[in-house]
Structure formats: structure tokens, C-alpha cells
C-alpha atoms as a PDB file:
ATOM      1  CA  MET A   1      11.468 -29.307 -10.019  1.00  0.00           C
ATOM      2  CA  ALA A   2      13.101 -31.157 -12.427  1.00  0.00           C
ATOM      3  CA  GLU A   3      16.439 -32.334 -12.199  1.00  0.00           C
ATOM      4  CA  ASP A   4      18.979 -31.241 -15.235  1.00  0.00           C
ATOM      5  CA  ASN A   5      21.043 -34.575 -14.909  1.00  0.00           C
ATOM      6  CA  SER A   6      23.214 -33.775 -17.743  1.00  0.00           C
ATOM      7  CA  TYR A   7      24.901 -31.115 -16.006  1.00  0.00           C
ATOM      8  CA  GLU A   8      27.574 -31.391 -13.673  1.00  0.00           C
ATOM      9  CA  SER A   9      29.031 -28.605 -11.384  1.00  0.00           C
ATOM     10  CA  MET A  10      32.293 -28.356  -9.388  1.00  0.00           C
ATOM     11  CA  LEU A  11      32.114 -27.790  -5.818  1.00  0.00           C
ATOM     12  CA  CYS A  12      35.804 -28.223  -4.682  1.00  0.00           C
ATOM     13  CA  VAL A  13      39.050 -29.057  -5.865  1.00  0.00           C
ATOM     14  CA  LYS A  14      42.190 -29.809  -3.715  1.00  0.00           C
ATOM     15  CA  PRO A  15      45.415 -30.252  -5.344  1.00  0.00           C
ATOM     16  CA  GLU A  16      46.877 -33.005  -2.952  1.00  0.00           C
ATOM     17  CA  VAL A  17      45.078 -35.642  -0.894  1.00  0.00           C
ATOM     18  CA  HIS A  18      46.477 -39.253   0.619  1.00  0.00           C
ATOM     19  CA  VAL A  19      44.735 -42.321   0.536  1.00  0.00           C
ATOM     20  CA  TYR A  20      45.546 -45.115   3.300  1.00  0.00           C
ATOM     21  CA  ARG A  21      44.818 -48.862   3.540  1.00  0.00           C
ATOM     22  CA  ILE A  22      42.987 -49.197   6.771  1.00  0.00           C
ATOM     23  CA  PRO A  23      42.152 -52.214   8.995  1.00  0.00           C
ATOM     24  CA  PRO A  24      39.014 -53.441   9.863  1.00  0.00           C
ATOM     25  CA  ARG A  25      37.171 -51.330  12.648  1.00  0.00           C
ATOM     26  CA  ALA A  26      37.403 -52.969  15.653  1.00  0.00           C
ATOM     27  CA  SER A  27      34.505 -51.736  17.533  1.00  0.00           C
ATOM     28  CA  ASN A  28      31.274 -49.087  17.044  1.00  0.00           C
ATOM     29  CA  ARG A  29      33.400 -46.609  18.390  1.00  0.00           C
ATOM     30  CA  GLY A  30      34.319 -45.225  15.160  1.00  0.00           C
ATOM     31  CA  TYR A  31      37.997 -45.076  13.222  1.00  0.00           C
ATOM     32  CA  ARG A  32      41.182 -43.952  14.342  1.00  0.00           C
ATOM     33  CA  ALA A  33      43.577 -42.164  12.220  1.00  0.00           C
ATOM     34  CA  ALA A  34      46.478 -43.432  14.612  1.00  0.00           C
ATOM     35  CA  ASP A  35      45.490 -46.846  13.697  1.00  0.00           C
ATOM     36  CA  TRP A  36      46.908 -46.251   9.812  1.00  0.00           C
ATOM     37  CA  LYS A  37      50.446 -45.991   8.914  1.00  0.00           C
ATOM     38  CA  LEU A  38      50.129 -42.101   7.977  1.00  0.00           C
ATOM     39  CA  ASP A  39      53.494 -41.894   6.754  1.00  0.00           C
ATOM     40  CA  GLU A  40      53.462 -44.795   4.058  1.00  0.00           C
ATOM     41  CA  PRO A  41      50.463 -43.480   2.068  1.00  0.00           C
ATOM     42  CA  ALA A  42      48.789 -46.210  -0.677  1.00  0.00           C
ATOM     43  CA  TRP A  43      48.136 -43.451  -2.967  1.00  0.00           C
ATOM     44  CA  SER A  44      48.587 -39.622  -3.340  1.00  0.00           C
ATOM     45  CA  GLY A  45      46.656 -37.201  -5.709  1.00  0.00           C
ATOM     46  CA  ARG A  46      44.196 -34.905  -6.509  1.00  0.00           C
ATOM     47  CA  MET A  47      40.915 -34.493  -5.186  1.00  0.00           C
ATOM     48  CA  LYS A  48      37.517 -32.917  -6.836  1.00  0.00           C
ATOM     49  CA  ILE A  49      33.867 -32.998  -5.737  1.00  0.00           C
ATOM     50  CA  THR A  50      31.369 -32.623  -8.305  1.00  0.00           C
ATOM     51  CA  ALA A  51      27.625 -32.255  -8.339  1.00  0.00           C
ATOM     52  CA  LYS A  52      25.165 -34.049 -10.838  1.00  0.00           C
ATOM     53  CA  GLY A  53      21.301 -33.320  -9.676  1.00  0.00           C
ATOM     54  CA  LYS A  54      20.893 -34.558  -6.025  1.00  0.00           C
ATOM     55  CA  MET A  55      24.123 -36.536  -6.222  1.00  0.00           C
ATOM     56  CA  ALA A  56      27.419 -35.244  -4.899  1.00  0.00           C
ATOM     57  CA  PHE A  57      30.651 -37.451  -6.372  1.00  0.00           C
ATOM     58  CA  ILE A  58      34.292 -37.448  -4.391  1.00  0.00           C
ATOM     59  CA  LYS A  59      36.751 -38.033  -7.499  1.00  0.00           C
ATOM     60  CA  LEU A  60      40.341 -38.917  -6.659  1.00  0.00           C
ATOM     61  CA  GLU A  61      42.388 -38.405 -10.024  1.00  0.00           C
ATOM     62  CA  ASP A  62      45.916 -38.452 -11.245  1.00  0.00           C
ATOM     63  CA  LYS A  63      47.314 -34.783 -10.442  1.00  0.00           C
ATOM     64  CA  ASN A  64      49.071 -35.000 -13.822  1.00  0.00           C
ATOM     65  CA  THR A  65      47.404 -37.168 -16.377  1.00  0.00           C
ATOM     66  CA  GLY A  66      43.827 -36.788 -14.582  1.00  0.00           C
ATOM     67  CA  GLU A  67      43.125 -40.554 -14.705  1.00  0.00           C
ATOM     68  CA  LEU A  68      40.233 -41.477 -12.375  1.00  0.00           C
ATOM     69  CA  PHE A  69      41.918 -43.488  -9.460  1.00  0.00           C
ATOM     70  CA  ALA A  70      38.540 -44.234  -7.279  1.00  0.00           C
ATOM     71  CA  GLN A  71      35.243 -42.751  -7.088  1.00  0.00           C
ATOM     72  CA  ALA A  72      32.664 -42.645  -4.114  1.00  0.00           C
ATOM     73  CA  PRO A  73      29.209 -41.347  -4.720  1.00  0.00           C
ATOM     74  CA  VAL A  74      27.357 -39.629  -1.799  1.00  0.00           C
ATOM     75  CA  ASP A  75      23.588 -39.440  -1.709  1.00  0.00           C
ATOM     76  CA  GLN A  76      23.952 -37.694   1.989  1.00  0.00           C
ATOM     77  CA  TYR A  77      25.896 -36.090   4.407  1.00  0.00           C
ATOM     78  CA  PRO A  78      26.756 -36.757   6.844  1.00  0.00           C
ATOM     79  CA  GLY A  79      25.740 -40.492   6.153  1.00  0.00           C
ATOM     80  CA  SER A  80      27.789 -43.938   5.728  1.00  0.00           C
ATOM     81  CA  VAL A  81      29.583 -43.102   2.602  1.00  0.00           C
ATOM     82  CA  VAL A  82      31.789 -40.112   4.515  1.00  0.00           C
ATOM     83  CA  GLU A  83      32.790 -40.660   8.130  1.00  0.00           C
ATOM     84  CA  ALA A  84      34.994 -38.815  10.037  1.00  0.00           C
ATOM     85  CA  VAL A  85      37.534 -40.276  12.321  1.00  0.00           C
ATOM     86  CA  THR A  86      37.338 -39.930  15.979  1.00  0.00           C
ATOM     87  CA  ASP A  87      41.013 -38.640  16.674  1.00  0.00           C
ATOM     88  CA  SER A  88      41.476 -35.981  14.206  1.00  0.00           C
ATOM     89  CA  SER A  89      40.153 -33.355  11.735  1.00  0.00           C
ATOM     90  CA  ARG A  90      41.980 -34.034   8.930  1.00  0.00           C
ATOM     91  CA  TYR A  91      41.128 -37.366   7.952  1.00  0.00           C
ATOM     92  CA  PHE A  92      37.900 -39.127   6.999  1.00  0.00           C
ATOM     93  CA  VAL A  93      36.699 -42.762   5.685  1.00  0.00           C
ATOM     94  CA  ILE A  94      35.162 -42.945   2.641  1.00  0.00           C
ATOM     95  CA  ARG A  95      33.389 -46.080   0.707  1.00  0.00           C
ATOM     96  CA  ILE A  96      34.434 -46.006  -3.068  1.00  0.00           C
ATOM     97  CA  GLU A  97      32.319 -48.021  -5.657  1.00  0.00           C
ATOM     98  CA  ASP A  98      33.862 -49.495  -9.003  1.00  0.00           C
ATOM     99  CA  GLY A  99      30.397 -48.953 -10.931  1.00  0.00           C
ATOM    100  CA  ASN A 100      30.066 -52.896 -10.964  1.00  0.00           C
ATOM    101  CA  GLY A 101      28.450 -53.250  -7.622  1.00  0.00           C
ATOM    102  CA  ARG A 102      31.716 -53.651  -5.530  1.00  0.00           C
ATOM    103  CA  HIS A 103      33.050 -51.095  -2.851  1.00  0.00           C
ATOM    104  CA  ALA A 104      35.505 -50.905  -0.670  1.00  0.00           C
ATOM    105  CA  PHE A 105      36.320 -48.568   2.238  1.00  0.00           C
ATOM    106  CA  ILE A 106      39.523 -46.293   2.300  1.00  0.00           C
ATOM    107  CA  GLY A 107      41.093 -43.490   4.415  1.00  0.00           C
ATOM    108  CA  LEU A 108      41.428 -40.063   3.234  1.00  0.00           C
ATOM    109  CA  GLY A 109      43.902 -37.469   4.586  1.00  0.00           C
ATOM    110  CA  PHE A 110      44.791 -33.930   3.921  1.00  0.00           C
ATOM    111  CA  ALA A 111      47.999 -32.205   4.620  1.00  0.00           C
ATOM    112  CA  ASP A 112      46.206 -29.201   5.661  1.00  0.00           C
ATOM    113  CA  ARG A 113      43.266 -28.210   8.106  1.00  0.00           C
ATOM    114  CA  GLY A 114      41.959 -25.888   5.794  1.00  0.00           C
ATOM    115  CA  ASP A 115      41.633 -27.969   3.178  1.00  0.00           C
ATOM    116  CA  SER A 116      39.756 -30.560   5.252  1.00  0.00           C
ATOM    117  CA  PHE A 117      37.502 -28.058   6.475  1.00  0.00           C
ATOM    118  CA  ASP A 118      36.670 -26.811   2.735  1.00  0.00           C
ATOM    119  CA  PHE A 119      36.046 -30.528   1.888  1.00  0.00           C
ATOM    120  CA  ASN A 120      33.472 -30.791   4.842  1.00  0.00           C
ATOM    121  CA  VAL A 121      31.824 -27.286   4.090  1.00  0.00           C
ATOM    122  CA  ALA A 122      31.564 -28.403   0.286  1.00  0.00           C
ATOM    123  CA  LEU A 123      29.632 -31.561   1.092  1.00  0.00           C
ATOM    124  CA  GLN A 124      27.321 -29.663   3.581  1.00  0.00           C
ATOM    125  CA  ASP A 125      26.161 -26.456   1.078  1.00  0.00           C
ATOM    126  CA  HIS A 126      25.473 -28.990  -1.408  1.00  0.00           C
ATOM    127  CA  PHE A 127      22.952 -31.148   0.761  1.00  0.00           C
ATOM    128  CA  LYS A 128      21.871 -28.418   2.144  1.00  0.00           C
ATOM    129  CA  TRP A 129      20.713 -27.257  -0.930  1.00  0.00           C
ATOM    130  CA  VAL A 130      19.136 -30.441  -1.686  1.00  0.00           C
ATOM    131  CA  LYS A 131      17.218 -30.174   1.548  1.00  0.00           C
ATOM    132  CA  GLN A 132      15.641 -26.781   0.507  1.00  0.00           C
ATOM    133  CA  GLU A 133      14.829 -27.948  -3.104  1.00  0.00           C
ATOM    134  CA  GLY A 134      13.005 -30.755  -1.886  1.00  0.00           C
ATOM    135  CA  GLU A 135      10.773 -28.878   0.948  1.00  0.00           C
ATOM    136  CA  LEU A 136      10.106 -26.290  -2.095  1.00  0.00           C
ATOM    137  CA  ALA A 137       8.982 -28.955  -4.124  1.00  0.00           C
ATOM    138  CA  LYS A 138       6.608 -30.494  -1.729  1.00  0.00           C
ATOM    139  CA  MET A 139       5.200 -26.996  -0.943  1.00  0.00           C
ATOM    140  CA  GLU A 140       4.681 -26.650  -4.814  1.00  0.00           C
ATOM    141  CA  ALA A 141       2.804 -30.006  -5.185  1.00  0.00           C
ATOM    142  CA  SER A 142       0.684 -29.005  -2.337  1.00  0.00           C
ATOM    143  CA  GLN A 143      -0.433 -25.993  -3.703  1.00  0.00           C
ATOM    144  CA  THR A 144      -1.377 -27.820  -6.936  1.00  0.00           C
ATOM    145  CA  ALA A 145      -3.082 -30.046  -5.192  1.00  0.00           C
ATOM    146  CA  ALA A 146      -5.259 -27.990  -3.111  1.00  0.00           C
ATOM    147  CA  PRO A 147      -8.783 -26.524  -4.634  1.00  0.00           C
ATOM    148  CA  LYS A 148      -8.269 -23.079  -5.753  1.00  0.00           C
ATOM    149  CA  LEU A 149     -10.396 -20.306  -3.786  1.00  0.00           C
ATOM    150  CA  ASP A 150     -13.087 -18.937  -5.903  1.00  0.00           C
ATOM    151  CA  LEU A 151     -13.730 -15.372  -5.442  1.00  0.00           C
ATOM    152  CA  SER A 152     -16.035 -14.817  -8.122  1.00  0.00           C
ATOM    153  CA  PHE A 153     -19.762 -13.457  -7.570  1.00  0.00           C
ATOM    154  CA  LYS A 154     -22.655 -15.909  -7.853  1.00  0.00           C
ATOM    155  CA  GLU A 155     -25.518 -15.152  -9.687  1.00  0.00           C
ATOM    156  CA  GLY A 156     -27.641 -13.038  -7.523  1.00  0.00           C
ATOM    157  CA  GLN A 157     -25.265 -12.312  -5.188  1.00  0.00           C
ATOM    158  CA  THR A 158     -24.468  -8.730  -4.077  1.00  0.00           C
ATOM    159  CA  ILE A 159     -22.060  -6.710  -1.798  1.00  0.00           C
ATOM    160  CA  LYS A 160     -22.618  -3.939   0.647  1.00  0.00           C
ATOM    161  CA  ILE A 161     -19.979  -1.377   0.917  1.00  0.00           C
ATOM    162  CA  SER A 162     -20.333   1.016   3.930  1.00  0.00           C
ATOM    163  CA  LEU A 163     -18.555   4.529   3.408  1.00  0.00           C
ATOM    164  CA  GLY A 164     -18.324   6.166   6.988  1.00  0.00           C
ATOM    165  CA  ASN A 165     -16.623   9.190   6.025  1.00  0.00           C
ATOM    166  CA  ILE A 166     -19.535  10.729   3.973  1.00  0.00           C
ATOM    167  CA  LYS A 167     -21.416  13.101   6.482  1.00  0.00           C
ATOM    168  CA  LYS A 168     -25.368  13.358   5.671  1.00  0.00           C
ATOM    169  CA  LYS A 169     -26.682  16.755   5.266  1.00  0.00           C
ATOM    170  CA  ASP A 170     -28.626  18.398   7.747  1.00  0.00           C
ATOM    171  CA  ALA A 171     -32.438  18.430   6.834  1.00  0.00           C
ATOM    172  CA  GLY A 172     -33.115  21.619   9.122  1.00  0.00           C
ATOM    173  CA  GLY A 173     -30.645  23.621   7.041  1.00  0.00           C
ATOM    174  CA  VAL A 174     -32.503  23.171   3.977  1.00  0.00           C
ATOM    175  CA  LYS A 175     -34.283  26.891   2.861  1.00  0.00           C
ATOM    176  CA  PRO A 176     -37.704  26.281   1.362  1.00  0.00           C
ATOM    177  CA  ARG A 177     -38.061  26.994  -2.048  1.00  0.00           C
ATOM    178  CA  PRO A 178     -40.567  29.936  -2.759  1.00  0.00           C
ATOM    179  CA  VAL A 179     -44.053  28.686  -3.908  1.00  0.00           C
ATOM    180  CA  GLY A 180     -46.110  30.864  -6.224  1.00  0.00           C
ATOM    181  CA  GLY A 181     -45.715  32.031  -9.666  1.00  0.00           C
ATOM    182  CA  GLY A 182     -42.002  32.386  -9.217  1.00  0.00           C
ATOM    183  CA  LEU A 183     -42.174  36.063  -8.008  1.00  0.00           C
ATOM    184  CA  LEU A 184     -38.987  37.005  -6.050  1.00  0.00           C
ATOM    185  CA  PRO A 185     -39.315  38.538  -2.513  1.00  0.00           C
ATOM    186  CA  PRO A 186     -38.616  42.463  -2.127  1.00  0.00           C
ATOM    187  CA  PRO A 187     -35.346  43.503  -1.379  1.00  0.00           C
ATOM    188  CA  PRO A 188     -34.301  44.603   2.018  1.00  0.00           C
ATOM    189  CA  GLY A 189     -35.626  48.021   3.275  1.00  0.00           C
ATOM    190  CA  VAL A 190     -38.963  47.918   0.947  1.00  0.00           C
ATOM    191  CA  LYS A 191     -42.350  46.897   2.313  1.00  0.00           C
ATOM    192  CA  ALA A 192     -45.256  45.302   0.587  1.00  0.00           C
ATOM    193  CA  GLY A 193     -47.049  48.840  -0.074  1.00  0.00           C
ATOM    194  CA  GLY A 194     -44.123  49.788  -2.172  1.00  0.00           C
ATOM    195  CA  ILE A 195     -42.692  52.465   0.416  1.00  0.00           C
ATOM    196  CA  GLN A 196     -39.179  52.192   0.553  1.00  0.00           C
ATOM    197  CA  LEU A 197     -37.564  52.812   4.300  1.00  0.00           C
ATOM    198  CA  PRO A 198     -34.289  54.266   4.884  1.00  0.00           C
ATOM    199  CA  PRO A 199     -31.478  52.435   6.358  1.00  0.00           C
ATOM    200  CA  GLY A 200     -32.450  53.772   9.760  1.00  0.00           C
ATOM    201  CA  GLY A 201     -35.771  52.162   9.329  1.00  0.00           C
ATOM    202  CA  GLN A 202     -37.910  55.333  10.063  1.00  0.00           C
ATOM    203  CA  PRO A 203     -39.906  56.837   6.961  1.00  0.00           C
ATOM    204  CA  THR A 204     -38.999  60.143   5.301  1.00  0.00           C
ATOM    205  CA  VAL A 205     -41.499  62.645   5.170  1.00  0.00           C
ATOM    206  CA  VAL A 206     -41.247  64.401   1.719  1.00  0.00           C
ATOM    207  CA  ALA A 207     -42.197  68.407   2.000  1.00  0.00           C
ATOM    208  CA  ALA A 208     -45.047  69.190  -0.260  1.00  0.00           C
ATOM    209  CA  GLN A 209     -44.335  71.898  -2.903  1.00  0.00           C
ATOM    210  CA  PRO A 210     -46.528  74.546  -3.299  1.00  0.00           C
ATOM    211  CA  ASN A 211     -48.481  74.483  -6.815  1.00  0.00           C
ATOM    212  CA  ALA A 212     -47.207  77.310  -8.998  1.00  0.00           C
ATOM    213  CA  ALA A 213     -50.544  77.409 -10.535  1.00  0.00           C
ATOM    214  CA  THR A 214     -52.353  77.855  -7.581  1.00  0.00           C
ATOM    215  CA  LEU A 215     -50.291  80.696  -6.221  1.00  0.00           C
ATOM    216  CA  LEU A 216     -50.545  82.692  -9.932  1.00  0.00           C
ATOM    217  CA  ASP A 217     -54.397  82.422  -9.417  1.00  0.00           C
ATOM    218  CA  PHE A 218     -54.748  83.368  -6.067  1.00  0.00           C
ATOM    219  CA  GLY A 219     -55.245  87.129  -6.871  1.00  0.00           C
ATOM    220  CA  SER A 220     -57.760  86.092  -9.262  1.00  0.00           C
ATOM    221  CA  LEU A 221     -59.943  83.824  -7.078  1.00  0.00           C
ATOM    222  CA  THR A 222     -59.958  86.864  -4.383  1.00  0.00           C
ATOM    223  CA  SER A 223     -61.158  89.444  -7.064  1.00  0.00           C
ATOM    224  CA  ALA A 224     -63.827  86.907  -7.998  1.00  0.00           C
ATOM    225  CA  THR A 225     -65.228  85.964  -4.872  1.00  0.00           C
ATOM    226  CA  GLN A 226     -64.872  89.576  -3.493  1.00  0.00           C
ATOM    227  CA  PRO A 227     -64.844  92.703  -5.795  1.00  0.00           C
ATOM    228  CA  SER A 228     -63.848  95.222  -2.791  1.00  0.00           C
ATOM    229  CA  SER A 229     -60.338  96.715  -3.291  1.00  0.00           C
ATOM    230  CA  ASP A 230     -59.162  95.253   0.035  1.00  0.00           C
ATOM    231  CA  LEU A 231     -57.632  91.712  -0.837  1.00  0.00           C
ATOM    232  CA  TRP A 232     -57.780  91.118   2.953  1.00  0.00           C
ATOM    233  CA  GLY A 233     -61.143  91.947   3.767  1.00  0.00           C
ATOM    234  CA  ASP A 234     -62.418  88.368   3.843  1.00  0.00           C
ATOM    235  CA  PHE A 235     -60.272  87.264   6.736  1.00  0.00           C
ATOM    236  CA  THR A 236     -62.431  89.450   8.882  1.00  0.00           C
ATOM    237  CA  SER A 237     -65.941  88.017   7.682  1.00  0.00           C
ATOM    238  CA  ALA A 238     -64.475  84.339   7.626  1.00  0.00           C
ATOM    239  CA  GLY A 239     -63.308  84.896  11.287  1.00  0.00           C
ATOM    240  CA  SER A 240     -66.986  86.165  12.200  1.00  0.00           C
ATOM    241  CA  ASN A 241     -69.132  83.797  10.152  1.00  0.00           C
ATOM    242  CA  SER A 242     -66.717  80.481  10.488  1.00  0.00           C
ATOM    243  CA  ASN A 243     -69.829  78.679  12.409  1.00  0.00           C
ATOM    244  CA  ASN A 244     -72.367  79.495   9.602  1.00  0.00           C
ATOM    245  CA  ASP A 245     -70.370  79.661   6.432  1.00  0.00           C
ATOM    246  CA  ALA A 246     -69.043  76.317   5.009  1.00  0.00           C
ATOM    247  CA  VAL A 247     -65.281  76.599   4.048  1.00  0.00           C
ATOM    248  CA  LYS A 248     -64.670  77.399   0.262  1.00  0.00           C
ATOM    249  CA  PRO A 249     -62.487  75.231  -1.704  1.00  0.00           C
ATOM    250  CA  GLY A 250     -59.065  75.683  -2.114  1.00  0.00           C
ATOM    251  CA  TRP A 251     -58.888  77.540   1.039  1.00  0.00           C
ATOM    252  CA  VAL A 252     -57.475  76.576   4.399  1.00  0.00           C
ATOM    253  CA  GLN A 253     -59.750  76.832   7.892  1.00  0.00           C
ATOM    254  CA  PHE A 254     -58.046  79.120  10.570  1.00  0.00           C
ATOM    255  CA  SER A 255     -59.460  78.684  13.958  1.00  0.00           C
END
């Protein structure tokens, strides 16, 4: 991620701080605020912490005119530029620079513990952000350098999709189509001969209706065959000659 070096943000402002001259460090155990003349500060004024890119700057200014008294560029925290004393949470040792390559160590003290806490947190938050930005930049660089995954189909390459939820039709349940000249089967209850059966399944016998013409010609037929005045006389002769005479058409043979 590109840095915007022209933009300077404000991280913390404290209206009153004190600067002390500190003696050389006697041992590697650290600085002690008790060795300073705390009741005689060398300078008092306003403190600002600003950020420009990855760098933080501790600026000591005159509280009335805003004139810069000293400045300490901070490139990491905790580090050698800002160091806490061993006997108090309100005092620190900072390394100031004049811009010409010269530097010096001075004591910085806050009248309130809350102000020193805000000073500490402002520096911690800034460099935590710097660390996160660095990790993000490394991740983006590694993703850019890594070859991209090509998921496109090559020439001649195919893909097979399995659809497990589709059920196949049962081959035994398929009804055969009628073969022939397209004739439909007879409706239920009709035989091939064309006789329709009733719902009970038994054939219905239709009583024969007598022929009206036959009944009207009954008298004339009898008189033509037997001129006798007795219309029923032929039944006697028919009964006696049943074995010898043939049955005339139109008559029923009685046994």
C-alpha cells in the first residue's frame, strides 16, 4: 500500500508536560525518575504526537506561541527512542533530534497519570496499525506473485454431472402399443362377435315376437291344405301319420 507522506494526522495532545535534564545512566538497569530534580523542570509546555506515514513524532511546543522546542521522531515502539523509567509510570526518557544528525536524551514527565496513559496508548495504537498494514502488504504481494489458477476447459475436455435424485422409469410398467391397422379394442362387455353382455355377465335372451303376417295367414293356409269345415281336423291325422308323413313347412311338429 502506497504511503501518503504529505498527510500528517494528530494522535494525541497534552496541554502540560515537563522536561528534565537527566544524568548519564549509571547502569544497564534503566533510568530512575528519583535521580532527577523533579521540582525543577528545565522546560514546561505542550506536547503533541503526530503521525506521517509509518513514522510518529513527539513534538514539544510552547503553549502560548506554538514554537517548536524539541522533536523526537519515533520509528518503533517500544524502542530506543521512548523508554519508560523503572520507578514511575508518569515519566519517560525520549531521544530528541535537531535535524542535523545530533541527538540528546531528556526526561519527559506528566502531572497526571491519565495523561501518561494516553501518551503510551497513542504510540501503541499507531505502531499496531503500522504492523497490520505491513502484513496486509506482504499478503497482497504474495497473492500477486503467485500464479493464477486456470479453471477454464481445455480443448477436448469434458465434464460429467451425476444427478442422483432422478429416478428411472420402470420398464415393466410401460404398456405395449397396439399393433395393426390402428383399430381400437372393443369396449368392456362386448365380445368379438358383436353380442353385448349385460353388467352381470350373462346373456339376455330376447323373446321372439310372433309374425303378424303368419298369424293372419293361418286360416288361409289351413283351408288350402284341408277343405274340410273342421279347422282342427288335421291335428288328428297328423298325430296318426307322424311317422310316415313329412312335416309341412310353417308347422311345428308335436310328439
